[in-house]
Amino acid sequence: VSAMLGEKVLSAAKADAPASFRFSFDTAEGMKLGTGESIAKDAF
């Protein structure tokens, strides 16, 4: 277990990794918010 926690090597071939990532933060849907984290309305 110690080795696994320190050796999180890339386990899968990523030939089809997403070409893009978008974080719009319009809602908190699907995102776990912790203490002090929130979705604010005064957006860019």
All heavy atoms as atom14 arrays in JSON, in Angstrom:
{
  "sequence": "VSAMLGEKVLSAAKADAPASFRFSFDTAEGMKLGTGESIAKDAF",
  "atom14_mask": [
    [1, 1, 1, 1, 1, 1, 1, 0, 0, 0, 0, 0, 0, 0],
    [1, 1, 1, 1, 1, 1, 0, 0, 0, 0, 0, 0, 0, 0],
    [1, 1, 1, 1, 1, 0, 0, 0, 0, 0, 0, 0, 0, 0],
    [1, 1, 1, 1, 1, 1, 1, 1, 0, 0, 0, 0, 0, 0],
    [1, 1, 1, 1, 1, 1, 1, 1, 0, 0, 0, 0, 0, 0],
    [1, 1, 1, 1, 0, 0, 0, 0, 0, 0, 0, 0, 0, 0],
    [1, 1, 1, 1, 1, 1, 1, 1, 1, 0, 0, 0, 0, 0],
    [1, 1, 1, 1, 1, 1, 1, 1, 1, 0, 0, 0, 0, 0],
    [1, 1, 1, 1, 1, 1, 1, 0, 0, 0, 0, 0, 0, 0],
    [1, 1, 1, 1, 1, 1, 1, 1, 0, 0, 0, 0, 0, 0],
    [1, 1, 1, 1, 1, 1, 0, 0, 0, 0, 0, 0, 0, 0],
    [1, 1, 1, 1, 1, 0, 0, 0, 0, 0, 0, 0, 0, 0],
    [1, 1, 1, 1, 1, 0, 0, 0, 0, 0, 0, 0, 0, 0],
    [1, 1, 1, 1, 1, 1, 1, 1, 1, 0, 0, 0, 0, 0],
    [1, 1, 1, 1, 1, 0, 0, 0, 0, 0, 0, 0, 0, 0],
    [1, 1, 1, 1, 1, 1, 1, 1, 0, 0, 0, 0, 0, 0],
    [1, 1, 1, 1, 1, 0, 0, 0, 0, 0, 0, 0, 0, 0],
    [1, 1, 1, 1, 1, 1, 1, 0, 0, 0, 0, 0, 0, 0],
    [1, 1, 1, 1, 1, 0, 0, 0, 0, 0, 0, 0, 0, 0],
    [1, 1, 1, 1, 1, 1, 0, 0, 0, 0, 0, 0, 0, 0],
    [1, 1, 1, 1, 1, 1, 1, 1, 1, 1, 1, 0, 0, 0],
    [1, 1, 1, 1, 1, 1, 1, 1, 1, 1, 1, 0, 0, 0],
    [1, 1, 1, 1, 1, 1, 1, 1, 1, 1, 1, 0, 0, 0],
    [1, 1, 1, 1, 1, 1, 0, 0, 0, 0, 0, 0, 0, 0],
    [1, 1, 1, 1, 1, 1, 1, 1, 1, 1, 1, 0, 0, 0],
    [1, 1, 1, 1, 1, 1, 1, 1, 0, 0, 0, 0, 0, 0],
    [1, 1, 1, 1, 1, 1, 1, 0, 0, 0, 0, 0, 0, 0],
    [1, 1, 1, 1, 1, 0, 0, 0, 0, 0, 0, 0, 0, 0],
    [1, 1, 1, 1, 1, 1, 1, 1, 1, 0, 0, 0, 0, 0],
    [1, 1, 1, 1, 0, 0, 0, 0, 0, 0, 0, 0, 0, 0],
    [1, 1, 1, 1, 1, 1, 1, 1, 0, 0, 0, 0, 0, 0],
    [1, 1, 1, 1, 1, 1, 1, 1, 1, 0, 0, 0, 0, 0],
    [1, 1, 1, 1, 1, 1, 1, 1, 0, 0, 0, 0, 0, 0],
    [1, 1, 1, 1, 0, 0, 0, 0, 0, 0, 0, 0, 0, 0],
    [1, 1, 1, 1, 1, 1, 1, 0, 0, 0, 0, 0, 0, 0],
    [1, 1, 1, 1, 0, 0, 0, 0, 0, 0, 0, 0, 0, 0],
    [1, 1, 1, 1, 1, 1, 1, 1, 1, 0, 0, 0, 0, 0],
    [1, 1, 1, 1, 1, 1, 0, 0, 0, 0, 0, 0, 0, 0],
    [1, 1, 1, 1, 1, 1, 1, 1, 0, 0, 0, 0, 0, 0],
    [1, 1, 1, 1, 1, 0, 0, 0, 0, 0, 0, 0, 0, 0],
    [1, 1, 1, 1, 1, 1, 1, 1, 1, 0, 0, 0, 0, 0],
    [1, 1, 1, 1, 1, 1, 1, 1, 0, 0, 0, 0, 0, 0],
    [1, 1, 1, 1, 1, 0, 0, 0, 0, 0, 0, 0, 0, 0],
    [1, 1, 1, 1, 1, 1, 1, 1, 1, 1, 1, 0, 0, 0]
  ],
  "atom14_positions": [
    [[0.83, -1.21, 0.0], [0.0, 0.0, 0.0], [0.86, 1.25, 0.0], [0.58, 2.22, -0.73], [-0.96, 0.0, 1.2], [-1.63, 1.36, 1.36], [-2.03, -1.07, 1.02], [0.0, 0.0, 0.0], [0.0, 0.0, 0.0], [0.0, 0.0, 0.0], [0.0, 0.0, 0.0], [0.0, 0.0, 0.0], [0.0, 0.0, 0.0], [0.0, 0.0, 0.0]],
    [[1.93, 1.26, 0.79], [2.83, 2.42, 0.82], [3.4, 2.69, -0.57], [3.49, 3.84, -1.01], [3.96, 2.18, 1.81], [3.47, 2.1, 3.13], [0.0, 0.0, 0.0], [0.0, 0.0, 0.0], [0.0, 0.0, 0.0], [0.0, 0.0, 0.0], [0.0, 0.0, 0.0], [0.0, 0.0, 0.0], [0.0, 0.0, 0.0], [0.0, 0.0, 0.0]],
    [[3.78, 1.62, -1.26], [4.31, 1.78, -2.61], [3.24, 2.31, -3.56], [3.49, 3.16, -4.41], [4.86, 0.45, -3.12], [0.0, 0.0, 0.0], [0.0, 0.0, 0.0], [0.0, 0.0, 0.0], [0.0, 0.0, 0.0], [0.0, 0.0, 0.0], [0.0, 0.0, 0.0], [0.0, 0.0, 0.0], [0.0, 0.0, 0.0], [0.0, 0.0, 0.0]],
    [[2.0, 1.82, -3.42], [0.92, 2.26, -4.29], [0.59, 3.73, -4.07], [0.34, 4.48, -5.03], [-0.33, 1.42, -4.05], [-0.19, -0.03, -4.5], [-1.59, -1.07, -4.03], [-2.85, -0.5, -5.17], [0.0, 0.0, 0.0], [0.0, 0.0, 0.0], [0.0, 0.0, 0.0], [0.0, 0.0, 0.0], [0.0, 0.0, 0.0], [0.0, 0.0, 0.0]],
    [[0.6, 4.17, -2.85], [0.28, 5.57, -2.56], [1.38, 6.5, -3.05], [1.12, 7.68, -3.34], [0.05, 5.77, -1.06], [-1.15, 5.03, -0.49], [-1.24, 5.26, 1.01], [-2.43, 5.47, -1.16], [0.0, 0.0, 0.0], [0.0, 0.0, 0.0], [0.0, 0.0, 0.0], [0.0, 0.0, 0.0], [0.0, 0.0, 0.0], [0.0, 0.0, 0.0]],
    [[2.61, 5.99, -3.16], [3.71, 6.83, -3.61], [4.08, 6.65, -5.06], [4.95, 7.32, -5.57], [0.0, 0.0, 0.0], [0.0, 0.0, 0.0], [0.0, 0.0, 0.0], [0.0, 0.0, 0.0], [0.0, 0.0, 0.0], [0.0, 0.0, 0.0], [0.0, 0.0, 0.0], [0.0, 0.0, 0.0], [0.0, 0.0, 0.0], [0.0, 0.0, 0.0]],
    [[3.4, 5.7, -5.73], [3.75, 5.38, -7.11], [2.51, 5.41, -8.0], [2.22, 4.48, -8.74], [4.35, 3.98, -7.21], [5.64, 3.8, -6.44], [6.1, 2.35, -6.47], [5.47, 1.53, -7.16], [7.08, 2.05, -5.79], [0.0, 0.0, 0.0], [0.0, 0.0, 0.0], [0.0, 0.0, 0.0], [0.0, 0.0, 0.0], [0.0, 0.0, 0.0]],
    [[1.76, 6.49, -7.95], [0.54, 6.57, -8.75], [0.88, 6.84, -10.21], [0.63, 7.91, -10.76], [-0.39, 7.64, -8.2], [-0.89, 7.37, -6.8], [-1.83, 6.19, -6.77], [-3.16, 6.56, -7.36], [-4.13, 5.46, -7.31], [0.0, 0.0, 0.0], [0.0, 0.0, 0.0], [0.0, 0.0, 0.0], [0.0, 0.0, 0.0], [0.0, 0.0, 0.0]],
    [[1.5, 5.85, -10.83], [1.93, 6.02, -12.21], [0.74, 5.98, -13.15], [-0.3, 5.41, -12.84], [2.96, 4.94, -12.62], [4.2, 5.07, -11.78], [2.35, 3.56, -12.47], [0.0, 0.0, 0.0], [0.0, 0.0, 0.0], [0.0, 0.0, 0.0], [0.0, 0.0, 0.0], [0.0, 0.0, 0.0], [0.0, 0.0, 0.0], [0.0, 0.0, 0.0]],
    [[0.9, 6.59, -14.29], [-0.15, 6.61, -15.29], [-0.5, 5.18, -15.67], [0.33, 4.45, -16.18], [0.31, 7.39, -16.52], [-0.77, 7.75, -17.54], [-1.73, 8.76, -16.94], [-0.15, 8.31, -18.8], [0.0, 0.0, 0.0], [0.0, 0.0, 0.0], [0.0, 0.0, 0.0], [0.0, 0.0, 0.0], [0.0, 0.0, 0.0], [0.0, 0.0, 0.0]],
    [[-1.74, 4.79, -15.42], [-2.08, 3.37, -15.56], [-2.74, 3.03, -16.88], [-2.88, 1.87, -17.21], [-3.03, 2.97, -14.42], [-4.21, 3.75, -14.5], [0.0, 0.0, 0.0], [0.0, 0.0, 0.0], [0.0, 0.0, 0.0], [0.0, 0.0, 0.0], [0.0, 0.0, 0.0], [0.0, 0.0, 0.0], [0.0, 0.0, 0.0], [0.0, 0.0, 0.0]],
    [[-3.18, 4.01, -17.63], [-3.9, 3.72, -18.86], [-3.27, 4.42, -20.04], [-2.67, 5.47, -19.91], [-5.36, 4.17, -18.72], [0.0, 0.0, 0.0], [0.0, 0.0, 0.0], [0.0, 0.0, 0.0], [0.0, 0.0, 0.0], [0.0, 0.0, 0.0], [0.0, 0.0, 0.0], [0.0, 0.0, 0.0], [0.0, 0.0, 0.0], [0.0, 0.0, 0.0]],
    [[-3.39, 3.79, -21.2], [-2.96, 4.44, -22.43], [-3.91, 5.59, -22.72], [-5.12, 5.42, -22.7], [-2.98, 3.43, -23.57], [0.0, 0.0, 0.0], [0.0, 0.0, 0.0], [0.0, 0.0, 0.0], [0.0, 0.0, 0.0], [0.0, 0.0, 0.0], [0.0, 0.0, 0.0], [0.0, 0.0, 0.0], [0.0, 0.0, 0.0], [0.0, 0.0, 0.0]],
    [[-3.37, 6.79, -22.97], [-4.2, 7.98, -23.1], [-4.29, 8.46, -24.54], [-4.3, 9.65, -24.82], [-3.66, 9.1, -22.2], [-3.59, 8.72, -20.72], [-4.97, 8.42, -20.15], [-4.89, 8.12, -18.66], [-6.19, 7.78, -18.08], [0.0, 0.0, 0.0], [0.0, 0.0, 0.0], [0.0, 0.0, 0.0], [0.0, 0.0, 0.0], [0.0, 0.0, 0.0]],
    [[-4.41, 7.53, -25.47], [-4.48, 7.92, -26.87], [-5.7, 8.76, -27.16], [-5.72, 9.57, -28.07], [-4.5, 6.67, -27.76], [0.0, 0.0, 0.0], [0.0, 0.0, 0.0], [0.0, 0.0, 0.0], [0.0, 0.0, 0.0], [0.0, 0.0, 0.0], [0.0, 0.0, 0.0], [0.0, 0.0, 0.0], [0.0, 0.0, 0.0], [0.0, 0.0, 0.0]],
    [[-6.78, 8.56, -26.39], [-8.02, 9.28, -26.63], [-8.32, 10.27, -25.52], [-9.47, 10.56, -25.21], [-9.18, 8.3, -26.78], [-9.41, 7.5, -25.49], [-8.46, 7.41, -24.68], [-10.52, 7.0, -25.3], [0.0, 0.0, 0.0], [0.0, 0.0, 0.0], [0.0, 0.0, 0.0], [0.0, 0.0, 0.0], [0.0, 0.0, 0.0], [0.0, 0.0, 0.0]],
    [[-7.28, 10.8, -24.85], [-7.48, 11.78, -23.8], [-8.22, 12.99, -24.38], [-8.07, 13.32, -25.55], [-6.13, 12.23, -23.23], [0.0, 0.0, 0.0], [0.0, 0.0, 0.0], [0.0, 0.0, 0.0], [0.0, 0.0, 0.0], [0.0, 0.0, 0.0], [0.0, 0.0, 0.0], [0.0, 0.0, 0.0], [0.0, 0.0, 0.0], [0.0, 0.0, 0.0]],
    [[-9.07, 13.66, -23.58], [-9.83, 14.8, -24.09], [-8.92, 15.86, -24.69], [-7.85, 16.15, -24.17], [-10.54, 15.32, -22.84], [-10.63, 14.15, -21.93], [-9.37, 13.38, -22.17], [0.0, 0.0, 0.0], [0.0, 0.0, 0.0], [0.0, 0.0, 0.0], [0.0, 0.0, 0.0], [0.0, 0.0, 0.0], [0.0, 0.0, 0.0], [0.0, 0.0, 0.0]],
    [[-9.37, 16.44, -25.8], [-8.59, 17.49, -26.46], [-8.73, 18.81, -25.73], [-7.89, 19.71, -25.91], [-9.03, 17.65, -27.91], [0.0, 0.0, 0.0], [0.0, 0.0, 0.0], [0.0, 0.0, 0.0], [0.0, 0.0, 0.0], [0.0, 0.0, 0.0], [0.0, 0.0, 0.0], [0.0, 0.0, 0.0], [0.0, 0.0, 0.0], [0.0, 0.0, 0.0]],
    [[-9.77, 18.95, -24.91], [-9.96, 20.21, -24.19], [-10.7, 19.97, -22.88], [-11.39, 18.96, -22.72], [-10.73, 21.21, -25.06], [-12.04, 20.74, -25.32], [0.0, 0.0, 0.0], [0.0, 0.0, 0.0], [0.0, 0.0, 0.0], [0.0, 0.0, 0.0], [0.0, 0.0, 0.0], [0.0, 0.0, 0.0], [0.0, 0.0, 0.0], [0.0, 0.0, 0.0]],
    [[-10.54, 20.9, -21.96], [-11.22, 20.89, -20.67], [-11.79, 22.29, -20.44], [-11.1, 23.29, -20.68], [-10.26, 20.55, -19.53], [-9.51, 19.27, -19.7], [-8.33, 19.23, -20.46], [-9.95, 18.09, -19.13], [-7.64, 18.05, -20.62], [-9.25, 16.91, -19.29], [-8.09, 16.89, -20.04], [0.0, 0.0, 0.0], [0.0, 0.0, 0.0], [0.0, 0.0, 0.0]],
    [[-13.02, 22.36, -19.97], [-13.64, 23.65, -19.73], [-14.23, 23.68, -18.33], [-14.97, 22.77, -17.95], [-14.72, 23.95, -20.76], [-15.3, 25.37, -20.63], [-16.38, 25.63, -21.68], [-16.81, 27.01, -21.65], [-16.24, 27.98, -22.35], [-15.22, 27.68, -23.17], [-16.65, 29.22, -22.28], [0.0, 0.0, 0.0], [0.0, 0.0, 0.0], [0.0, 0.0, 0.0]],
    [[-13.9, 24.7, -17.57], [-14.41, 24.89, -16.23], [-15.13, 26.25, -16.19], [-14.5, 27.29, -16.02], [-13.28, 24.85, -15.2], [-12.48, 23.58, -15.24], [-11.39, 23.45, -16.09], [-12.82, 22.51, -14.44], [-10.64, 22.28, -16.13], [-12.08, 21.32, -14.48], [-10.99, 21.21, -15.32], [0.0, 0.0, 0.0], [0.0, 0.0, 0.0], [0.0, 0.0, 0.0]],
    [[-16.46, 26.23, -16.37], [-17.21, 27.48, -16.41], [-17.74, 27.89, -15.04], [-18.03, 29.06, -14.79], [-18.39, 27.35, -17.38], [-19.25, 26.31, -16.96], [0.0, 0.0, 0.0], [0.0, 0.0, 0.0], [0.0, 0.0, 0.0], [0.0, 0.0, 0.0], [0.0, 0.0, 0.0], [0.0, 0.0, 0.0], [0.0, 0.0, 0.0], [0.0, 0.0, 0.0]],
    [[-17.91, 26.92, -14.13], [-18.35, 27.17, -12.75], [-19.69, 27.9, -12.68], [-19.94, 28.67, -11.75], [-17.28, 27.97, -11.97], [-15.94, 27.31, -11.95], [-14.81, 27.97, -12.42], [-15.78, 26.02, -11.46], [-13.56, 27.37, -12.4], [-14.53, 25.41, -11.43], [-13.43, 26.09, -11.91], [0.0, 0.0, 0.0], [0.0, 0.0, 0.0], [0.0, 0.0, 0.0]],
    [[-20.57, 27.63, -13.65], [-21.89, 28.26, -13.6], [-22.75, 27.7, -12.47], [-23.57, 28.41, -11.89], [-22.62, 28.07, -14.94], [-22.03, 28.93, -16.04], [-21.42, 29.97, -15.72], [-22.18, 28.58, -17.22], [0.0, 0.0, 0.0], [0.0, 0.0, 0.0], [0.0, 0.0, 0.0], [0.0, 0.0, 0.0], [0.0, 0.0, 0.0], [0.0, 0.0, 0.0]],
    [[-22.56, 26.41, -12.17], [-23.28, 25.77, -11.07], [-22.32, 24.83, -10.34], [-21.22, 24.56, -10.81], [-24.49, 24.95, -11.56], [-24.02, 23.78, -12.23], [-25.36, 25.77, -12.51], [0.0, 0.0, 0.0], [0.0, 0.0, 0.0], [0.0, 0.0, 0.0], [0.0, 0.0, 0.0], [0.0, 0.0, 0.0], [0.0, 0.0, 0.0], [0.0, 0.0, 0.0]],
    [[-22.77, 24.33, -9.21], [-21.97, 23.37, -8.44], [-22.32, 21.93, -8.79], [-21.82, 21.01, -8.15], [-22.19, 23.6, -6.94], [0.0, 0.0, 0.0], [0.0, 0.0, 0.0], [0.0, 0.0, 0.0], [0.0, 0.0, 0.0], [0.0, 0.0, 0.0], [0.0, 0.0, 0.0], [0.0, 0.0, 0.0], [0.0, 0.0, 0.0], [0.0, 0.0, 0.0]],
    [[-23.14, 21.73, -9.82], [-23.57, 20.39, -10.19], [-22.38, 19.5, -10.52], [-21.52, 19.86, -11.31], [-24.49, 20.48, -11.41], [-25.33, 19.23, -11.63], [-26.36, 19.02, -10.54], [-27.17, 19.93, -10.3], [-26.32, 17.96, -9.91], [0.0, 0.0, 0.0], [0.0, 0.0, 0.0], [0.0, 0.0, 0.0], [0.0, 0.0, 0.0], [0.0, 0.0, 0.0]],
    [[-22.34, 18.34, -9.88], [-21.28, 17.38, -10.14], [-19.96, 17.71, -9.48], [-18.97, 17.02, -9.69], [0.0, 0.0, 0.0], [0.0, 0.0, 0.0], [0.0, 0.0, 0.0], [0.0, 0.0, 0.0], [0.0, 0.0, 0.0], [0.0, 0.0, 0.0], [0.0, 0.0, 0.0], [0.0, 0.0, 0.0], [0.0, 0.0, 0.0], [0.0, 0.0, 0.0]],
    [[-19.93, 18.77, -8.66], [-18.69, 19.19, -8.01], [-18.89, 19.2, -6.5], [-19.84, 19.8, -5.99], [-18.29, 20.58, -8.5], [-17.01, 21.11, -7.89], [-16.43, 22.63, -8.71], [-17.88, 23.65, -8.69], [0.0, 0.0, 0.0], [0.0, 0.0, 0.0], [0.0, 0.0, 0.0], [0.0, 0.0, 0.0], [0.0, 0.0, 0.0], [0.0, 0.0, 0.0]],
    [[-18.01, 18.54, -5.77], [-18.1, 18.52, -4.32], [-17.37, 19.73, -3.75], [-16.17, 19.89, -3.93], [-17.49, 17.23, -3.77], [-17.7, 17.06, -2.28], [-17.24, 15.69, -1.81], [-17.5, 15.5, -0.33], [-17.08, 14.16, 0.14], [0.0, 0.0, 0.0], [0.0, 0.0, 0.0], [0.0, 0.0, 0.0], [0.0, 0.0, 0.0], [0.0, 0.0, 0.0]],
    [[-18.11, 20.6, -3.08], [-17.54, 21.82, -2.52], [-17.17, 21.6, -1.06], [-17.95, 21.04, -0.28], [-18.53, 22.97, -2.64], [-18.88, 23.4, -4.07], [-19.98, 24.46, -4.05], [-17.66, 23.92, -4.8], [0.0, 0.0, 0.0], [0.0, 0.0, 0.0], [0.0, 0.0, 0.0], [0.0, 0.0, 0.0], [0.0, 0.0, 0.0], [0.0, 0.0, 0.0]],
    [[-15.99, 22.06, -0.69], [-15.53, 21.93, 0.68], [-15.76, 23.22, 1.45], [-16.39, 24.18, 0.97], [0.0, 0.0, 0.0], [0.0, 0.0, 0.0], [0.0, 0.0, 0.0], [0.0, 0.0, 0.0], [0.0, 0.0, 0.0], [0.0, 0.0, 0.0], [0.0, 0.0, 0.0], [0.0, 0.0, 0.0], [0.0, 0.0, 0.0], [0.0, 0.0, 0.0]],
    [[-15.22, 23.27, 2.66], [-15.37, 24.45, 3.51], [-14.74, 25.67, 2.84], [-13.62, 25.61, 2.37], [-14.69, 24.2, 4.87], [-15.26, 23.03, 5.46], [-14.87, 25.39, 5.78], [0.0, 0.0, 0.0], [0.0, 0.0, 0.0], [0.0, 0.0, 0.0], [0.0, 0.0, 0.0], [0.0, 0.0, 0.0], [0.0, 0.0, 0.0], [0.0, 0.0, 0.0]],
    [[-15.49, 26.75, 2.78], [-14.99, 27.98, 2.19], [-15.05, 28.03, 0.68], [-14.6, 28.99, 0.06], [0.0, 0.0, 0.0], [0.0, 0.0, 0.0], [0.0, 0.0, 0.0], [0.0, 0.0, 0.0], [0.0, 0.0, 0.0], [0.0, 0.0, 0.0], [0.0, 0.0, 0.0], [0.0, 0.0, 0.0], [0.0, 0.0, 0.0], [0.0, 0.0, 0.0]],
    [[-15.62, 26.99, 0.04], [-15.74, 26.93, -1.41], [-17.21, 27.12, -1.8], [-18.09, 26.49, -1.22], [-15.24, 25.59, -1.95], [-13.8, 25.29, -1.58], [-13.38, 23.88, -1.92], [-14.21, 23.1, -2.44], [-12.21, 23.53, -1.67], [0.0, 0.0, 0.0], [0.0, 0.0, 0.0], [0.0, 0.0, 0.0], [0.0, 0.0, 0.0], [0.0, 0.0, 0.0]],
    [[-17.48, 27.98, -2.77], [-18.85, 28.23, -3.17], [-18.91, 28.73, -4.61], [-17.9, 29.14, -5.18], [-19.5, 29.26, -2.24], [-18.82, 30.51, -2.33], [0.0, 0.0, 0.0], [0.0, 0.0, 0.0], [0.0, 0.0, 0.0], [0.0, 0.0, 0.0], [0.0, 0.0, 0.0], [0.0, 0.0, 0.0], [0.0, 0.0, 0.0], [0.0, 0.0, 0.0]],
    [[-20.11, 28.69, -5.18], [-20.36, 29.28, -6.49], [-20.94, 30.67, -6.26], [-22.03, 30.81, -5.69], [-21.32, 28.41, -7.33], [-20.72, 27.02, -7.54], [-21.61, 29.07, -8.67], [-19.39, 27.01, -8.29], [0.0, 0.0, 0.0], [0.0, 0.0, 0.0], [0.0, 0.0, 0.0], [0.0, 0.0, 0.0], [0.0, 0.0, 0.0], [0.0, 0.0, 0.0]],
    [[-20.21, 31.69, -6.69], [-20.64, 33.08, -6.52], [-21.27, 33.6, -7.8], [-20.96, 33.13, -8.91], [-19.44, 33.95, -6.13], [0.0, 0.0, 0.0], [0.0, 0.0, 0.0], [0.0, 0.0, 0.0], [0.0, 0.0, 0.0], [0.0, 0.0, 0.0], [0.0, 0.0, 0.0], [0.0, 0.0, 0.0], [0.0, 0.0, 0.0], [0.0, 0.0, 0.0]],
    [[-22.15, 34.59, -7.67], [-22.9, 35.1, -8.82], [-22.15, 36.16, -9.61], [-22.42, 36.38, -10.79], [-24.24, 35.66, -8.36], [-25.18, 34.58, -7.81], [-26.52, 35.17, -7.43], [-27.47, 34.08, -6.94], [-28.8, 34.63, -6.56], [0.0, 0.0, 0.0], [0.0, 0.0, 0.0], [0.0, 0.0, 0.0], [0.0, 0.0, 0.0], [0.0, 0.0, 0.0]],
    [[-21.23, 36.87, -8.99], [-20.51, 37.95, -9.67], [-19.44, 37.35, -10.58], [-18.24, 37.41, -10.3], [-19.89, 38.89, -8.65], [-19.22, 40.09, -9.31], [-19.54, 40.37, -10.48], [-18.38, 40.73, -8.65], [0.0, 0.0, 0.0], [0.0, 0.0, 0.0], [0.0, 0.0, 0.0], [0.0, 0.0, 0.0], [0.0, 0.0, 0.0], [0.0, 0.0, 0.0]],
    [[-19.9, 36.74, -11.68], [-19.0, 35.97, -12.54], [-18.33, 36.84, -13.59], [-18.79, 37.94, -13.91], [-19.78, 34.86, -13.22], [0.0, 0.0, 0.0], [0.0, 0.0, 0.0], [0.0, 0.0, 0.0], [0.0, 0.0, 0.0], [0.0, 0.0, 0.0], [0.0, 0.0, 0.0], [0.0, 0.0, 0.0], [0.0, 0.0, 0.0], [0.0, 0.0, 0.0]],
    [[-17.22, 36.31, -14.13], [-16.57, 36.96, -15.27], [-17.46, 36.82, -16.5], [-17.67, 37.76, -17.26], [-15.21, 36.31, -15.5], [-14.47, 36.84, -16.7], [-13.96, 38.13, -16.72], [-14.29, 36.03, -17.82], [-13.28, 38.61, -17.83], [-13.61, 36.51, -18.93], [-13.1, 37.81, -18.94], [0.0, 0.0, 0.0], [0.0, 0.0, 0.0], [0.0, 0.0, 0.0]]
  ]
}
